C-alpha cells in the first residue's frame, strides 16, 4: 500500500526534530541549518511512501529528473522492483517538473530525508537521476540533518560538474523566446545545471562528497546532455582521488558498446539498476566486480533485458494499468509553471 504521510504526523515529526536539534518548528537547526522557505504542507504533498515495514533494509528515496515527476518516473520502474525486493520506498516530487529554482526543489528532498529517517528509524538510501542528483547534493551540502540521514547516494547521469545543455539549447532555439539573443529564455533550473553556474560552483566548493555517505556515480558515453565523459567525466565526483567512499562508473567500461542515453540510464537500463541494487545492498559504494560475480560474468550481466516490471513482477496488462494510473496524477498536478529566465536565480544567502 502507498500512503502520503499525514500533515499532522509530519508536523509532529518536525517538532520532534526541532526538540532534538534545537531548531525551529520546521525541523531545521536555527544555528547550523538554513530555514526552509516552503510551507510544510507543500513539502508533505511532494512525498509519497510505502509503509515502513522492512527494518532489515534501508528505506529508499527516489529523486526524479527534469521535466518529469516522482510518480511519473518511478511508479512503473524502480519503485515496484524495489518493493518486490523487500525495500520500503518513497518518491519525492518537487514543483513544476523541476523547472524552477533547484534551491527550492532541494527543500523537498531535505523534508523527505528528515521524515524518512524519523519514521523508519534508520538511514536512507537515495537514488537520483539527472537533476535528481544535483538537487539532493545541494540538500546534503547545506542541511546537516539531510546529510546525516543518508547512507548511500546512487547518482545516475548527474551534472555533478555541470552539463552541456548547448545541444538542448540548439534544438530548442528556433521555438524559444529571445532565440536571437546570446542568452535564450529558458527555465531557470537549466541555467543552474551548466558547469560554470554559481549553483554548481557552490555545490562543489570544498568537499564534493560530504558526510558519512557512500557515493556511486554512473554515467554513459552516449549521454546527450551530461558531457564531457572524457578525459574527465563531468558526472564523476572526487575524480581520481582514491576516495574509498566513492565509485565513478562508466557503463561502457563494464559493458563495452552498451547503448544507454541520458534518459534510459535512470529509467530502464538494467546495468544501472543492478549497480544501484549493489550500492544500496552492501556497505560502501557500488562494486563492479561484485555485480559481475553475482550476475555470472560479463556476458550474463551485459545481456540482461531492460528492467520492465512486466518481465519480473506482473503481466503486461498490470503494467499498462500502472502506467494509466499516472494519468490522473498528471491531471491533478496541472500544467507546470515554466520559470522562464535568461539566467540562473541568485544564490540563497546561506550559500553565498
Protein backbone atom coordinates (compact mmCIF):
# COMPACT_ATOMS: atom_id res chain seq x y z
CA UNK A 1 0.00 0.00 0.00
CA UNK A 2 1.19 3.50 -0.83
CA UNK A 3 0.45 6.37 1.51
CA UNK A 4 1.12 10.02 1.98
CA UNK A 5 2.31 10.88 5.46
CA UNK A 6 -0.49 12.94 7.04
CA UNK A 7 0.32 16.58 7.57
CA UNK A 8 -0.32 16.25 11.31
CA UNK A 9 2.16 13.40 11.58
CA UNK A 10 4.65 15.38 9.53
CA UNK A 11 4.25 18.35 11.84
CA UNK A 12 4.73 16.13 14.89
CA UNK A 13 7.89 14.72 13.34
CA UNK A 14 9.31 18.15 12.59
CA UNK A 15 8.55 19.27 16.14
CA UNK A 16 10.40 16.20 17.43
CA UNK A 17 13.33 17.01 15.17
CA UNK A 18 13.24 20.55 16.49
CA UNK A 19 13.45 19.34 20.07
CA UNK A 20 16.41 17.13 19.22
CA UNK A 21 18.35 19.70 17.20
CA UNK A 22 17.44 22.91 18.94
CA UNK A 23 15.91 24.18 15.73
CA UNK A 24 12.59 25.68 14.79
CA UNK A 25 9.23 24.00 14.20
CA UNK A 26 10.11 23.30 10.57
CA UNK A 27 12.84 20.91 11.73
CA UNK A 28 15.93 22.88 10.86
CA UNK A 29 18.56 24.00 13.30
CA UNK A 30 18.35 27.74 13.73
CA UNK A 31 22.10 27.90 14.24
CA UNK A 32 23.57 25.48 11.71
CA UNK A 33 20.89 24.99 9.06
CA UNK A 34 19.06 27.33 6.71
CA UNK A 35 15.33 27.74 7.34
CA UNK A 36 13.02 26.04 4.86
CA UNK A 37 11.10 28.64 2.87
CA UNK A 38 8.45 26.21 1.63
CA UNK A 39 5.34 25.51 3.68
CA UNK A 40 5.36 22.08 5.32
CA UNK A 41 2.03 21.14 3.72
CA UNK A 42 3.54 21.66 0.26
CA UNK A 43 6.65 19.72 1.22
CA UNK A 44 4.49 16.88 2.51
CA UNK A 45 2.38 16.82 -0.64
CA UNK A 46 5.54 16.09 -2.60
CA UNK A 47 6.37 12.95 -0.60
CA UNK A 48 4.77 9.56 -1.28
CA UNK A 49 5.85 6.45 0.64
CA UNK A 50 5.04 2.81 1.04
CA UNK A 51 4.59 1.65 4.62
CA UNK A 52 7.80 1.25 6.60
CA UNK A 53 7.75 -2.48 7.33
CA UNK A 54 11.23 -3.71 6.40
CA UNK A 55 13.68 -2.74 9.16
CA UNK A 56 16.31 -5.11 7.76
CA UNK A 57 16.94 -2.82 4.75
CA UNK A 58 17.37 0.91 4.29
CA UNK A 59 14.34 2.80 3.08
CA UNK A 60 14.97 4.13 -0.45
CA UNK A 61 14.24 7.65 -1.67
CA UNK A 62 13.86 8.04 -5.46
CA UNK A 63 14.56 11.53 -6.83
CA UNK A 64 13.40 12.40 -10.35
CA UNK A 65 14.97 14.37 -13.16
CA UNK A 66 13.86 17.48 -15.03
CA UNK A 67 10.58 17.56 -16.99
CA UNK A 68 9.03 14.70 -15.00
CA UNK A 69 7.69 13.85 -11.52
CA UNK A 70 8.48 11.22 -8.92
CA UNK A 71 5.39 9.11 -9.59
CA UNK A 72 5.79 9.51 -13.34
CA UNK A 73 9.39 8.32 -13.48
CA UNK A 74 9.36 5.62 -10.84
CA UNK A 75 5.90 4.19 -10.16
CA UNK A 76 6.23 1.79 -13.10
CA UNK A 77 10.00 1.18 -12.96
CA UNK A 78 12.24 1.32 -9.89
CA UNK A 79 9.53 1.54 -7.24
CA UNK A 80 7.74 -1.80 -7.87
CA UNK A 81 11.04 -3.58 -8.45
CA UNK A 82 12.48 -2.33 -5.18
CA UNK A 83 9.29 -3.13 -3.28
CA UNK A 84 9.41 -6.68 -4.67
CA UNK A 85 12.95 -6.97 -3.28
CA UNK A 86 11.83 -6.04 0.21
CA UNK A 87 12.58 -2.31 0.32
CA UNK A 88 10.40 0.46 1.71
CA UNK A 89 10.30 3.13 -0.98
CA UNK A 90 9.46 6.82 -1.16
CA UNK A 91 9.32 9.13 -4.15
CA UNK A 92 9.68 12.88 -3.91
CA UNK A 93 8.22 15.30 -6.44
CA UNK A 94 9.36 18.89 -6.43
CA UNK A 95 7.37 21.67 -8.07
CA UNK A 96 6.83 22.31 -11.76
CA UNK A 97 8.69 19.27 -13.03
CA UNK A 98 11.98 20.65 -11.79
CA UNK A 99 11.88 23.74 -13.99
CA UNK A 100 12.13 26.21 -11.12
CA UNK A 101 14.91 27.15 -8.72
CA UNK A 102 16.77 23.99 -7.69
CA UNK A 103 17.45 25.57 -4.31
CA UNK A 104 13.71 25.39 -3.60
CA UNK A 105 13.46 21.88 -5.03
CA UNK A 106 16.19 20.85 -2.59
CA UNK A 107 13.92 21.73 0.32
CA UNK A 108 11.59 18.91 -0.76
CA UNK A 109 14.50 16.48 -0.54
CA UNK A 110 15.52 17.81 2.86
CA UNK A 111 11.99 17.29 4.14
CA UNK A 112 11.76 13.80 2.62
CA UNK A 113 15.04 12.68 4.18
CA UNK A 114 14.10 14.05 7.61
CA UNK A 115 10.71 12.33 7.52
CA UNK A 116 12.06 9.01 6.27
CA UNK A 117 14.82 8.93 8.88
CA UNK A 118 12.38 9.75 11.66
CA UNK A 119 9.69 7.28 10.56
CA UNK A 120 11.96 4.37 9.63
CA UNK A 121 14.47 4.79 12.46
CA UNK A 122 17.37 4.18 10.10
CA UNK A 123 19.46 5.91 7.47
CA UNK A 124 18.15 6.26 3.94
CA UNK A 125 19.50 5.05 0.60
CA UNK A 126 18.91 7.58 -2.16
CA UNK A 127 18.82 7.06 -5.93
CA UNK A 128 18.68 10.13 -8.15
CA UNK A 129 18.71 10.73 -11.88
CA UNK A 130 19.93 13.83 -13.75
CA UNK A 131 18.68 16.90 -11.83
CA UNK A 132 17.68 14.32 -9.22
CA UNK A 133 21.40 14.18 -8.44
CA UNK A 134 22.09 17.92 -8.38
CA UNK A 135 19.13 18.74 -6.12
CA UNK A 136 19.98 16.16 -3.40
CA UNK A 137 23.63 17.19 -3.49
CA UNK A 138 22.50 20.73 -2.65
CA UNK A 139 20.39 19.37 0.21
CA UNK A 140 23.29 17.31 1.55
CA UNK A 141 25.67 20.24 1.21
CA UNK A 142 23.72 22.80 3.24
CA UNK A 143 21.49 20.82 5.66
CA UNK A 144 23.37 18.63 8.17
CA UNK A 145 20.10 16.89 9.11
CA UNK A 146 19.69 15.76 5.50
CA UNK A 147 23.34 14.75 5.25
CA UNK A 148 23.14 12.72 8.44
CA UNK A 149 20.05 10.89 7.17
CA UNK A 150 21.77 9.36 4.13
CA UNK A 151 23.83 6.18 3.99
CA UNK A 152 24.14 5.65 0.22
CA UNK A 153 23.65 8.00 -2.70
CA UNK A 154 23.40 6.49 -6.19
CA UNK A 155 23.84 9.17 -8.85
CA UNK A 156 22.75 8.42 -12.42
CA UNK A 157 23.84 10.85 -15.14
CA UNK A 158 24.18 13.65 -12.62
CA UNK A 159 25.54 17.01 -13.78
CA UNK A 160 27.94 17.00 -10.85
CA UNK A 161 30.27 19.42 -12.56
CA UNK A 162 27.58 20.77 -14.85
CA UNK A 163 26.05 19.50 -18.03
CA UNK A 164 26.47 20.75 -21.55
CA UNK A 165 22.99 21.95 -22.47
CA UNK A 166 24.26 23.58 -25.68
CA UNK A 167 22.78 20.70 -27.62
CA UNK A 168 19.42 21.19 -25.93
CA UNK A 169 19.58 24.94 -26.45
CA UNK A 170 20.37 24.36 -30.13
CA UNK A 171 17.42 22.03 -30.55
CA UNK A 172 15.02 24.40 -28.81
CA UNK A 173 16.42 27.68 -30.12
CA UNK A 174 14.04 28.00 -33.13
CA UNK A 175 10.99 27.99 -30.82
CA UNK A 176 12.42 29.85 -27.82
CA UNK A 177 11.57 33.44 -26.91
CA UNK A 178 14.67 35.54 -27.34
CA UNK A 179 16.14 32.94 -29.68
CA UNK A 180 18.31 35.51 -31.43
CA UNK A 181 19.97 36.61 -28.20
CA UNK A 182 23.07 35.12 -26.64
CA UNK A 183 21.05 34.06 -23.61
CA UNK A 184 17.80 32.37 -24.65
CA UNK A 185 14.77 32.43 -22.38
CA UNK A 186 14.76 29.05 -20.61
CA UNK A 187 13.54 27.51 -17.37
CA UNK A 188 15.87 28.82 -14.70
CA UNK A 189 16.81 25.34 -13.46
CA UNK A 190 18.50 24.61 -16.78
CA UNK A 191 20.85 27.53 -16.23
CA UNK A 192 21.71 26.12 -12.81
CA UNK A 193 22.85 22.83 -14.38
CA UNK A 194 25.55 24.47 -16.54
CA UNK A 195 29.13 23.84 -15.43
CA UNK A 196 30.03 27.46 -14.77
CA UNK A 197 26.82 28.24 -12.89
CA UNK A 198 27.01 29.65 -9.38
CA UNK A 199 24.82 26.72 -8.27
CA UNK A 200 27.28 24.06 -9.46
CA UNK A 201 30.28 26.01 -8.23
CA UNK A 202 28.75 26.39 -4.75
CA UNK A 203 27.80 22.71 -4.66
CA UNK A 204 31.37 21.62 -5.33
CA UNK A 205 33.16 24.19 -3.18
CA UNK A 206 35.23 22.46 -0.53
CA UNK A 207 34.18 18.84 -0.05
CA UNK A 208 32.47 17.27 -3.09
CA UNK A 209 31.35 14.24 -1.07
CA UNK A 210 30.39 15.48 2.41
CA UNK A 211 29.16 13.30 5.22
CA UNK A 212 29.41 9.63 6.10
CA UNK A 213 27.83 8.71 2.77
CA UNK A 214 28.82 6.24 0.05
CA UNK A 215 28.60 7.86 -3.39
CA UNK A 216 28.13 5.82 -6.57
CA UNK A 217 28.24 7.93 -9.76
CA UNK A 218 27.18 6.29 -13.03
CA UNK A 219 27.40 7.81 -16.47
CA UNK A 220 27.37 6.86 -20.15
CA UNK A 221 29.28 7.79 -23.29
CA UNK A 222 26.01 8.35 -25.12
CA UNK A 223 24.56 10.94 -22.77
CA UNK A 224 23.14 13.81 -24.80
CA UNK A 225 23.36 16.38 -22.01
CA UNK A 226 25.85 15.44 -19.31
CA UNK A 227 29.10 15.86 -21.16
CA UNK A 228 32.04 15.57 -21.41
CA UNK A 229 32.73 11.99 -20.37
CA UNK A 230 36.39 12.06 -21.42
CA UNK A 231 39.03 12.81 -20.34
CA UNK A 232 37.43 13.98 -17.07
CA UNK A 233 33.78 12.95 -16.67
CA UNK A 234 31.58 15.80 -15.54
CA UNK A 235 29.28 13.28 -13.83
CA UNK A 236 32.06 11.99 -11.57
CA UNK A 237 32.84 13.18 -8.06
CA UNK A 238 36.29 13.27 -6.43
CA UNK A 239 37.71 12.10 -9.74
CA UNK A 240 40.90 10.01 -9.29
CA UNK A 241 41.14 11.00 -5.63
CA UNK A 242 41.18 7.37 -4.38
CA UNK A 243 38.28 8.18 -2.11
CA UNK A 244 37.13 4.84 -0.61
CA UNK A 245 33.54 6.04 -0.26
CA UNK A 246 33.26 6.91 -3.98
CA UNK A 247 32.75 4.78 -7.10
CA UNK A 248 32.78 6.52 -10.50
CA UNK A 249 31.48 4.06 -13.09
CA UNK A 250 31.32 4.49 -16.86
CA UNK A 251 28.75 1.93 -18.00
CA UNK A 252 30.69 1.18 -21.18
CA UNK A 253 33.71 0.18 -19.06
CA UNK A 254 31.53 -2.61 -17.68
CA UNK A 255 29.66 -3.45 -20.89
CA UNK A 256 31.60 -2.13 -23.92
CA UNK A 257 29.42 -0.63 -26.62
CA UNK A 258 26.31 -0.59 -24.43
CA UNK A 259 23.77 1.88 -25.81
CA UNK A 260 22.47 3.91 -22.89
CA UNK A 261 21.45 7.55 -23.15
CA UNK A 262 20.59 10.28 -20.66
CA UNK A 263 17.04 9.07 -20.16
CA UNK A 264 17.38 5.30 -20.15
CA UNK A 265 20.21 5.25 -17.58
CA UNK A 266 17.69 6.38 -14.96
CA UNK A 267 14.63 4.64 -16.31
CA UNK A 268 15.03 1.15 -17.77
CA UNK A 269 18.71 0.27 -18.15
CA UNK A 270 19.33 -3.00 -16.32
CA UNK A 271 23.05 -2.48 -15.74
CA UNK A 272 22.43 0.83 -13.98
CA UNK A 273 19.72 -0.83 -11.89
CA UNK A 274 21.93 -3.75 -10.86
CA UNK A 275 24.72 -1.37 -9.86
CA UNK A 276 22.21 0.65 -7.82
CA UNK A 277 20.99 -2.51 -6.08
CA UNK A 278 24.55 -3.44 -5.22
CA UNK A 279 25.25 0.01 -3.79
CA UNK A 280 22.22 0.12 -1.50
CA UNK A 281 22.54 -3.54 -0.50
CA UNK A 282 26.17 -3.53 0.68
CA UNK A 283 28.44 -1.29 2.76
CA UNK A 284 30.30 1.25 0.65
CA UNK A 285 29.65 2.32 -2.93
CA UNK A 286 28.74 0.08 -5.87
CA UNK A 287 31.34 -2.58 -6.67
CA UNK A 288 31.56 -3.66 -10.31
CA UNK A 289 33.40 -6.89 -9.58
CA UNK A 290 30.76 -7.91 -7.05
CA UNK A 291 27.97 -7.19 -9.56
CA UNK A 292 29.72 -9.19 -12.27
CA UNK A 293 30.18 -12.14 -9.94
CA UNK A 294 26.56 -12.06 -8.81
CA UNK A 295 25.33 -12.00 -12.41
CA UNK A 296 27.56 -14.86 -13.51
CA UNK A 297 30.06 -12.89 -15.55
CA UNK A 298 30.19 -10.07 -18.05
CA UNK A 299 28.18 -11.79 -20.79
CA UNK A 300 25.35 -12.59 -18.40
CA UNK A 301 25.28 -9.12 -16.87
CA UNK A 302 25.51 -7.24 -20.14
CA UNK A 303 22.89 -9.46 -21.74
CA UNK A 304 20.17 -8.75 -19.17
CA UNK A 305 16.92 -7.33 -20.52
CA UNK A 306 15.71 -3.84 -19.54
CA UNK A 307 14.02 -3.54 -16.15
CA UNK A 308 10.44 -3.81 -17.30
CA UNK A 309 8.34 -4.81 -14.30
CA UNK A 310 6.16 -6.84 -16.67
CA UNK A 311 9.04 -9.30 -17.03
CA UNK A 312 9.68 -9.73 -13.31
CA UNK A 313 6.62 -8.89 -11.26
CA UNK A 314 3.40 -8.51 -13.19
CA UNK A 315 1.89 -9.40 -16.56
CA UNK A 316 1.74 -6.76 -19.26
CA UNK A 317 -1.90 -5.74 -18.55
CA UNK A 318 -0.98 -4.90 -14.96
CA UNK A 319 1.98 -2.84 -16.16
CA UNK A 320 -0.32 -0.95 -18.50
CA UNK A 321 -2.73 -0.30 -15.64
CA UNK A 322 0.19 1.07 -13.63
CA UNK A 323 1.08 3.41 -16.47
CA UNK A 324 -2.56 4.50 -16.77
CA UNK A 325 -2.54 5.25 -13.05
CA UNK A 326 -0.06 8.03 -13.75
CA UNK A 327 -2.59 9.95 -15.87
CA UNK A 328 -4.91 11.06 -13.04
CA UNK A 329 -1.92 12.26 -11.05
CA UNK A 330 -0.68 14.24 -14.03
CA UNK A 331 -4.14 15.76 -14.47
CA UNK A 332 -4.32 16.69 -10.78
CA UNK A 333 -0.89 18.32 -10.94
CA UNK A 334 -1.91 20.54 -13.83
CA UNK A 335 0.42 22.39 -16.13
CA UNK A 336 3.74 23.44 -14.62
CA UNK A 337 5.00 26.98 -14.38
CA UNK A 338 7.93 27.34 -16.74
CA UNK A 339 10.03 29.73 -14.61
CA UNK A 340 11.49 31.29 -17.75
CA UNK A 341 14.60 33.39 -17.37
CA UNK A 342 17.75 34.47 -19.17
CA UNK A 343 19.95 33.31 -16.32
CA UNK A 344 20.08 31.34 -13.10
CA UNK A 345 18.45 32.50 -9.85
CA UNK A 346 20.61 34.28 -7.32
CA UNK A 347 22.19 32.06 -4.71
CA UNK A 348 20.41 31.95 -1.37
CA UNK A 349 22.16 33.90 1.40
CA UNK A 350 23.31 30.69 3.14
CA UNK A 351 25.28 29.67 0.03
CA UNK A 352 26.97 32.96 -0.78
